[in-house]
Amino acid sequence: MHSFFIVLAALCALAGHALALNITFGGETNITASTFFSFPPGPYTQPCGAAFCDVAVSAISECAADDNSCLCSADTSKKINDCEQCLFEYFIRTDTVPSDHKLGASTAVTAYATACKTDANITLALGLTLPSSWQGSQVLVLNTPVTVLAVGFGGILGMGLLYIMSNLS
């Protein structure tokens, strides 16, 4: 009877490990080259559309659907990387979050390069870089008068708490 409870406890522990984590990333897991740039229109289409993304879409559409050597050529991959770079810089500049996980994402560029390596055995050196004008993440710092005010209120509250605690009896 004792061994039955040990086996039951072990099964519960193992079931807990099996059911502990279930992560789903993004919506589409497998996308084709023709749907790689099928994202909803938005304010990012004006600065990046005609100059970069429309060029990349036309380069993809000029290739046959099963012509991986064309889809993974240096010219096509550069156009795709330029479009993603423009989108990436747009989202940094406007401090917004993209509505689609393929927009200006390093993961999208990496997935494209990986697909070219896997399907066409072509190694691409693609990647997104931070814009030269980017000065790092924004740090909000209190100015001197606001800092004095916040520290003063904190001191008053702290002294009041000490006074109340010292008079409890």
C-alpha atoms as a PDB file:
ATOM      1  CA  MET A   1       0.000   0.000   0.000  1.00  0.00           C
ATOM      2  CA  HIS A   2       2.895   2.326   0.830  1.00  0.00           C
ATOM      3  CA  SER A   3       4.506   1.776  -2.593  1.00  0.00           C
ATOM      4  CA  PHE A   4       1.212   2.631  -4.324  1.00  0.00           C
ATOM      5  CA  PHE A   5       1.302   6.161  -2.852  1.00  0.00           C
ATOM      6  CA  ILE A   6       4.956   6.578  -3.839  1.00  0.00           C
ATOM      7  CA  VAL A   7       4.156   5.593  -7.437  1.00  0.00           C
ATOM      8  CA  LEU A   8       1.110   7.906  -7.434  1.00  0.00           C
ATOM      9  CA  ALA A   9       3.192  10.811  -6.122  1.00  0.00           C
ATOM     10  CA  ALA A  10       5.873  10.170  -8.761  1.00  0.00           C
ATOM     11  CA  LEU A  11       3.252  10.125 -11.533  1.00  0.00           C
ATOM     12  CA  CYS A  12       1.765  13.393 -10.278  1.00  0.00           C
ATOM     13  CA  ALA A  13       5.218  14.988 -10.201  1.00  0.00           C
ATOM     14  CA  LEU A  14       6.012  13.800 -13.730  1.00  0.00           C
ATOM     15  CA  ALA A  15       2.615  14.932 -15.017  1.00  0.00           C
ATOM     16  CA  GLY A  16       3.318  18.350 -13.524  1.00  0.00           C
ATOM     17  CA  HIS A  17       6.562  18.561 -15.509  1.00  0.00           C
ATOM     18  CA  ALA A  18       4.879  17.436 -18.722  1.00  0.00           C
ATOM     19  CA  LEU A  19       2.062  19.961 -18.426  1.00  0.00           C
ATOM     20  CA  ALA A  20       4.081  22.822 -16.947  1.00  0.00           C
ATOM     21  CA  LEU A  21       4.969  24.834 -20.049  1.00  0.00           C
ATOM     22  CA  ASN A  22       3.065  25.373 -23.289  1.00  0.00           C
ATOM     23  CA  ILE A  23       4.340  28.310 -25.365  1.00  0.00           C
ATOM     24  CA  THR A  24       2.835  29.371 -28.691  1.00  0.00           C
ATOM     25  CA  PHE A  25       4.873  31.953 -30.597  1.00  0.00           C
ATOM     26  CA  GLY A  26       3.163  34.256 -33.068  1.00  0.00           C
ATOM     27  CA  GLY A  27       0.230  33.305 -35.213  1.00  0.00           C
ATOM     28  CA  GLU A  28       1.700  31.691 -38.317  1.00  0.00           C
ATOM     29  CA  THR A  29       4.490  29.233 -37.811  1.00  0.00           C
ATOM     30  CA  ASN A  30       5.168  28.378 -41.462  1.00  0.00           C
ATOM     31  CA  ILE A  31       4.811  31.103 -44.040  1.00  0.00           C
ATOM     32  CA  THR A  32       5.642  31.094 -47.742  1.00  0.00           C
ATOM     33  CA  ALA A  33       7.802  33.658 -49.513  1.00  0.00           C
ATOM     34  CA  SER A  34       4.744  35.223 -51.146  1.00  0.00           C
ATOM     35  CA  THR A  35       3.130  35.862 -47.754  1.00  0.00           C
ATOM     36  CA  PHE A  36       6.334  37.050 -46.071  1.00  0.00           C
ATOM     37  CA  PHE A  37       5.426  40.696 -46.711  1.00  0.00           C
ATOM     38  CA  SER A  38       1.654  40.351 -46.451  1.00  0.00           C
ATOM     39  CA  PHE A  39       1.069  42.574 -43.453  1.00  0.00           C
ATOM     40  CA  PRO A  40      -1.727  45.044 -42.771  1.00  0.00           C
ATOM     41  CA  PRO A  41      -1.295  48.596 -44.076  1.00  0.00           C
ATOM     42  CA  GLY A  42      -0.364  51.199 -41.522  1.00  0.00           C
ATOM     43  CA  PRO A  43       1.579  54.419 -41.012  1.00  0.00           C
ATOM     44  CA  TYR A  44       4.837  52.556 -41.673  1.00  0.00           C
ATOM     45  CA  THR A  45       3.906  51.969 -45.324  1.00  0.00           C
ATOM     46  CA  GLN A  46       4.551  55.567 -46.347  1.00  0.00           C
ATOM     47  CA  PRO A  47       8.226  55.883 -45.305  1.00  0.00           C
ATOM     48  CA  CYS A  48       9.167  52.299 -46.176  1.00  0.00           C
ATOM     49  CA  GLY A  49       6.673  51.244 -48.829  1.00  0.00           C
ATOM     50  CA  ALA A  50       7.769  52.576 -52.214  1.00  0.00           C
ATOM     51  CA  ALA A  51      11.442  52.949 -51.369  1.00  0.00           C
ATOM     52  CA  PHE A  52      12.082  49.534 -49.838  1.00  0.00           C
ATOM     53  CA  CYS A  53       9.161  47.166 -49.235  1.00  0.00           C
ATOM     54  CA  ASP A  54       7.486  47.456 -52.640  1.00  0.00           C
ATOM     55  CA  VAL A  55      10.862  46.701 -54.229  1.00  0.00           C
ATOM     56  CA  ALA A  56      11.246  43.617 -52.017  1.00  0.00           C
ATOM     57  CA  VAL A  57       7.714  42.412 -52.793  1.00  0.00           C
ATOM     58  CA  SER A  58       8.303  42.784 -56.537  1.00  0.00           C
ATOM     59  CA  ALA A  59      11.633  40.927 -56.235  1.00  0.00           C
ATOM     60  CA  ILE A  60       9.851  38.050 -54.485  1.00  0.00           C
ATOM     61  CA  SER A  61       6.998  38.012 -57.017  1.00  0.00           C
ATOM     62  CA  GLU A  62       9.478  37.866 -59.924  1.00  0.00           C
ATOM     63  CA  CYS A  63      10.771  34.551 -58.586  1.00  0.00           C
ATOM     64  CA  ALA A  64       8.841  31.348 -59.158  1.00  0.00           C
ATOM     65  CA  ALA A  65       7.199  29.977 -56.023  1.00  0.00           C
ATOM     66  CA  ASP A  66       9.530  26.985 -55.906  1.00  0.00           C
ATOM     67  CA  ASP A  67      12.706  28.731 -57.135  1.00  0.00           C
ATOM     68  CA  ASN A  68      14.635  28.873 -53.882  1.00  0.00           C
ATOM     69  CA  SER A  69      17.846  29.988 -55.566  1.00  0.00           C
ATOM     70  CA  CYS A  70      16.051  33.105 -56.842  1.00  0.00           C
ATOM     71  CA  LEU A  71      14.282  33.741 -53.536  1.00  0.00           C
ATOM     72  CA  CYS A  72      17.573  33.386 -51.668  1.00  0.00           C
ATOM     73  CA  SER A  73      19.756  35.284 -54.124  1.00  0.00           C
ATOM     74  CA  ALA A  74      21.948  38.103 -52.849  1.00  0.00           C
ATOM     75  CA  ASP A  75      19.859  40.736 -54.652  1.00  0.00           C
ATOM     76  CA  THR A  76      16.502  39.516 -53.321  1.00  0.00           C
ATOM     77  CA  SER A  77      17.784  38.991 -49.792  1.00  0.00           C
ATOM     78  CA  LYS A  78      19.327  42.493 -49.739  1.00  0.00           C
ATOM     79  CA  LYS A  79      15.989  44.007 -50.774  1.00  0.00           C
ATOM     80  CA  ILE A  80      14.193  42.038 -48.055  1.00  0.00           C
ATOM     81  CA  ASN A  81      16.768  43.054 -45.453  1.00  0.00           C
ATOM     82  CA  ASP A  82      16.521  46.727 -46.527  1.00  0.00           C
ATOM     83  CA  CYS A  83      12.729  46.667 -46.120  1.00  0.00           C
ATOM     84  CA  GLU A  84      12.946  45.062 -42.680  1.00  0.00           C
ATOM     85  CA  GLN A  85      15.686  47.551 -41.695  1.00  0.00           C
ATOM     86  CA  CYS A  86      13.499  50.494 -42.732  1.00  0.00           C
ATOM     87  CA  LEU A  87      10.560  49.111 -40.744  1.00  0.00           C
ATOM     88  CA  PHE A  88      12.830  48.442 -37.754  1.00  0.00           C
ATOM     89  CA  GLU A  89      14.115  52.030 -37.803  1.00  0.00           C
ATOM     90  CA  TYR A  90      10.555  53.367 -38.186  1.00  0.00           C
ATOM     91  CA  PHE A  91       9.334  51.536 -35.091  1.00  0.00           C
ATOM     92  CA  ILE A  92      12.338  52.722 -33.084  1.00  0.00           C
ATOM     93  CA  ARG A  93      11.940  56.319 -34.277  1.00  0.00           C
ATOM     94  CA  THR A  94       8.208  56.436 -33.499  1.00  0.00           C
ATOM     95  CA  ASP A  95       8.498  54.309 -30.334  1.00  0.00           C
ATOM     96  CA  THR A  96       5.629  52.062 -31.415  1.00  0.00           C
ATOM     97  CA  VAL A  97       5.032  48.334 -31.377  1.00  0.00           C
ATOM     98  CA  PRO A  98       4.421  46.607 -34.717  1.00  0.00           C
ATOM     99  CA  SER A  99       0.999  45.087 -35.309  1.00  0.00           C
ATOM    100  CA  ASP A 100       2.489  42.036 -37.033  1.00  0.00           C
ATOM    101  CA  HIS A 101       5.381  39.917 -35.776  1.00  0.00           C
ATOM    102  CA  LYS A 102       7.003  40.026 -39.240  1.00  0.00           C
ATOM    103  CA  LEU A 103       7.306  43.828 -39.333  1.00  0.00           C
ATOM    104  CA  GLY A 104      10.830  45.100 -38.764  1.00  0.00           C
ATOM    105  CA  ALA A 105      11.722  42.064 -36.711  1.00  0.00           C
ATOM    106  CA  SER A 106      15.117  40.489 -36.387  1.00  0.00           C
ATOM    107  CA  THR A 107      13.367  37.151 -35.923  1.00  0.00           C
ATOM    108  CA  ALA A 108      11.756  37.482 -39.362  1.00  0.00           C
ATOM    109  CA  VAL A 109      15.114  38.157 -41.019  1.00  0.00           C
ATOM    110  CA  THR A 110      16.689  35.258 -39.132  1.00  0.00           C
ATOM    111  CA  ALA A 111      13.818  32.946 -40.117  1.00  0.00           C
ATOM    112  CA  TYR A 112      14.254  33.944 -43.770  1.00  0.00           C
ATOM    113  CA  ALA A 113      18.016  33.299 -43.650  1.00  0.00           C
ATOM    114  CA  THR A 114      17.428  29.964 -41.907  1.00  0.00           C
ATOM    115  CA  ALA A 115      14.883  28.917 -44.538  1.00  0.00           C
ATOM    116  CA  CYS A 116      17.382  29.757 -47.278  1.00  0.00           C
ATOM    117  CA  LYS A 117      20.047  27.712 -45.509  1.00  0.00           C
ATOM    118  CA  THR A 118      17.700  24.765 -44.955  1.00  0.00           C
ATOM    119  CA  ASP A 119      15.838  24.678 -48.274  1.00  0.00           C
ATOM    120  CA  ALA A 120      18.370  26.060 -50.763  1.00  0.00           C
ATOM    121  CA  ASN A 121      21.644  25.460 -48.896  1.00  0.00           C
ATOM    122  CA  ILE A 122      22.481  29.160 -49.319  1.00  0.00           C
ATOM    123  CA  THR A 123      24.021  30.973 -46.375  1.00  0.00           C
ATOM    124  CA  LEU A 124      22.937  34.600 -46.061  1.00  0.00           C
ATOM    125  CA  ALA A 125      24.515  37.197 -43.813  1.00  0.00           C
ATOM    126  CA  LEU A 126      21.408  39.178 -42.915  1.00  0.00           C
ATOM    127  CA  GLY A 127      20.666  41.192 -39.831  1.00  0.00           C
ATOM    128  CA  LEU A 128      19.157  44.393 -38.556  1.00  0.00           C
ATOM    129  CA  THR A 129      21.293  47.133 -37.033  1.00  0.00           C
ATOM    130  CA  LEU A 130      20.364  49.964 -34.739  1.00  0.00           C
ATOM    131  CA  PRO A 131      20.108  53.360 -36.427  1.00  0.00           C
ATOM    132  CA  SER A 132      23.095  55.667 -35.956  1.00  0.00           C
ATOM    133  CA  SER A 133      20.840  58.339 -34.442  1.00  0.00           C
ATOM    134  CA  TRP A 134      19.646  56.015 -31.671  1.00  0.00           C
ATOM    135  CA  GLN A 135      21.017  57.119 -28.316  1.00  0.00           C
ATOM    136  CA  GLY A 136      19.874  54.159 -26.273  1.00  0.00           C
ATOM    137  CA  SER A 137      16.736  53.554 -24.337  1.00  0.00           C
ATOM    138  CA  GLN A 138      15.143  56.634 -22.875  1.00  0.00           C
ATOM    139  CA  VAL A 139      15.808  57.209 -19.197  1.00  0.00           C
ATOM    140  CA  LEU A 140      13.380  59.399 -17.352  1.00  0.00           C
ATOM    141  CA  VAL A 141      15.223  61.404 -14.730  1.00  0.00           C
ATOM    142  CA  LEU A 142      13.565  63.745 -12.273  1.00  0.00           C
ATOM    143  CA  ASN A 143      14.761  67.328 -12.345  1.00  0.00           C
ATOM    144  CA  THR A 144      16.106  68.920  -9.144  1.00  0.00           C
ATOM    145  CA  PRO A 145      12.911  70.619  -7.828  1.00  0.00           C
ATOM    146  CA  VAL A 146      10.808  67.491  -8.337  1.00  0.00           C
ATOM    147  CA  THR A 147      13.491  65.346  -6.680  1.00  0.00           C
ATOM    148  CA  VAL A 148      13.610  67.679  -3.642  1.00  0.00           C
ATOM    149  CA  LEU A 149       9.817  67.552  -3.413  1.00  0.00           C
ATOM    150  CA  ALA A 150       9.678  63.739  -3.653  1.00  0.00           C
ATOM    151  CA  VAL A 151      12.441  63.240  -1.074  1.00  0.00           C
ATOM    152  CA  GLY A 152      10.786  65.785   1.226  1.00  0.00           C
ATOM    153  CA  PHE A 153       7.414  64.017   1.098  1.00  0.00           C
ATOM    154  CA  GLY A 154       9.136  60.673   1.620  1.00  0.00           C
ATOM    155  CA  GLY A 155      10.956  62.064   4.661  1.00  0.00           C
ATOM    156  CA  ILE A 156       7.745  63.500   6.129  1.00  0.00           C
ATOM    157  CA  LEU A 157       5.917  60.195   5.651  1.00  0.00           C
ATOM    158  CA  GLY A 158       8.829  58.250   7.147  1.00  0.00           C
ATOM    159  CA  MET A 159       9.096  60.515  10.190  1.00  0.00           C
ATOM    160  CA  GLY A 160       5.327  60.332  10.684  1.00  0.00           C
ATOM    161  CA  LEU A 161       5.478  56.541  10.574  1.00  0.00           C
ATOM    162  CA  LEU A 162       8.314  56.477  13.122  1.00  0.00           C
ATOM    163  CA  TYR A 163       6.364  58.850  15.394  1.00  0.00           C
ATOM    164  CA  ILE A 164       3.244  56.667  15.228  1.00  0.00           C
ATOM    165  CA  MET A 165       5.198  53.449  15.813  1.00  0.00           C
ATOM    166  CA  SER A 166       7.096  54.912  18.770  1.00  0.00           C
ATOM    167  CA  ASN A 167       3.861  55.970  20.492  1.00  0.00           C
ATOM    168  CA  LEU A 168       2.137  52.588  20.249  1.00  0.00           C
ATOM    169  CA  SER A 169       1.851  51.101  23.665  1.00  0.00           C
END
